[in-house]
């Protein structure tokens, strides 16, 4: 099986939080952030 497209992490975790909130009777919130791009370090030769 091949899947093409993008994965909406925000929507996935919001849905998961909603399911857990309803099941456990508590309020669950999520925040999804993009990781900062890694900076390439210069190598001294």
C-alpha atoms as a PDB file:
ATOM      1  CA  UNK A   1       0.000   0.000   0.000  1.00  0.00           C
ATOM      2  CA  UNK A   2       1.290   3.460  -0.836  1.00  0.00           C
ATOM      3  CA  UNK A   3      -0.018   6.651   0.731  1.00  0.00           C
ATOM      4  CA  UNK A   4       0.553  10.001  -0.914  1.00  0.00           C
ATOM      5  CA  UNK A   5      -0.127  13.457   0.433  1.00  0.00           C
ATOM      6  CA  UNK A   6       0.529  15.264   3.657  1.00  0.00           C
ATOM      7  CA  UNK A   7      -0.174  14.312   7.249  1.00  0.00           C
ATOM      8  CA  UNK A   8      -2.140  16.922   9.177  1.00  0.00           C
ATOM      9  CA  UNK A   9      -0.593  16.489  12.631  1.00  0.00           C
ATOM     10  CA  UNK A  10      -2.645  19.327  14.153  1.00  0.00           C
ATOM     11  CA  UNK A  11      -5.946  17.719  13.117  1.00  0.00           C
ATOM     12  CA  UNK A  12      -4.790  14.247  14.226  1.00  0.00           C
ATOM     13  CA  UNK A  13      -3.845  15.354  17.743  1.00  0.00           C
ATOM     14  CA  UNK A  14      -6.946  17.543  18.112  1.00  0.00           C
ATOM     15  CA  UNK A  15      -9.094  14.512  17.277  1.00  0.00           C
ATOM     16  CA  UNK A  16      -7.143  12.324  19.689  1.00  0.00           C
ATOM     17  CA  UNK A  17      -7.510  14.944  22.442  1.00  0.00           C
ATOM     18  CA  UNK A  18     -11.272  15.111  21.819  1.00  0.00           C
ATOM     19  CA  UNK A  19     -11.627  11.328  22.086  1.00  0.00           C
ATOM     20  CA  UNK A  20      -9.612  11.213  25.328  1.00  0.00           C
ATOM     21  CA  UNK A  21     -11.511  14.203  26.741  1.00  0.00           C
ATOM     22  CA  UNK A  22     -14.870  12.543  26.167  1.00  0.00           C
ATOM     23  CA  UNK A  23     -13.745   9.137  27.411  1.00  0.00           C
ATOM     24  CA  UNK A  24     -12.051  10.353  30.589  1.00  0.00           C
ATOM     25  CA  UNK A  25     -14.321  13.297  31.367  1.00  0.00           C
ATOM     26  CA  UNK A  26     -11.471  15.798  31.425  1.00  0.00           C
ATOM     27  CA  UNK A  27     -10.344  18.673  29.227  1.00  0.00           C
ATOM     28  CA  UNK A  28      -7.359  17.865  27.022  1.00  0.00           C
ATOM     29  CA  UNK A  29      -5.727  20.453  24.785  1.00  0.00           C
ATOM     30  CA  UNK A  30      -2.891  20.085  22.302  1.00  0.00           C
ATOM     31  CA  UNK A  31      -0.492  22.425  20.556  1.00  0.00           C
ATOM     32  CA  UNK A  32       1.477  21.301  17.527  1.00  0.00           C
ATOM     33  CA  UNK A  33       4.559  23.261  16.496  1.00  0.00           C
ATOM     34  CA  UNK A  34       7.050  22.775  13.699  1.00  0.00           C
ATOM     35  CA  UNK A  35      10.590  21.947  14.808  1.00  0.00           C
ATOM     36  CA  UNK A  36      13.207  24.599  14.119  1.00  0.00           C
ATOM     37  CA  UNK A  37      15.449  23.662  11.201  1.00  0.00           C
ATOM     38  CA  UNK A  38      18.832  22.400  12.307  1.00  0.00           C
ATOM     39  CA  UNK A  39      21.731  24.714  11.591  1.00  0.00           C
ATOM     40  CA  UNK A  40      24.683  23.162   9.841  1.00  0.00           C
ATOM     41  CA  UNK A  41      27.897  23.755  11.726  1.00  0.00           C
ATOM     42  CA  UNK A  42      31.005  24.719   9.794  1.00  0.00           C
ATOM     43  CA  UNK A  43      33.753  22.161  10.094  1.00  0.00           C
ATOM     44  CA  UNK A  44      37.306  23.433  10.549  1.00  0.00           C
ATOM     45  CA  UNK A  45      39.911  21.564   8.521  1.00  0.00           C
END
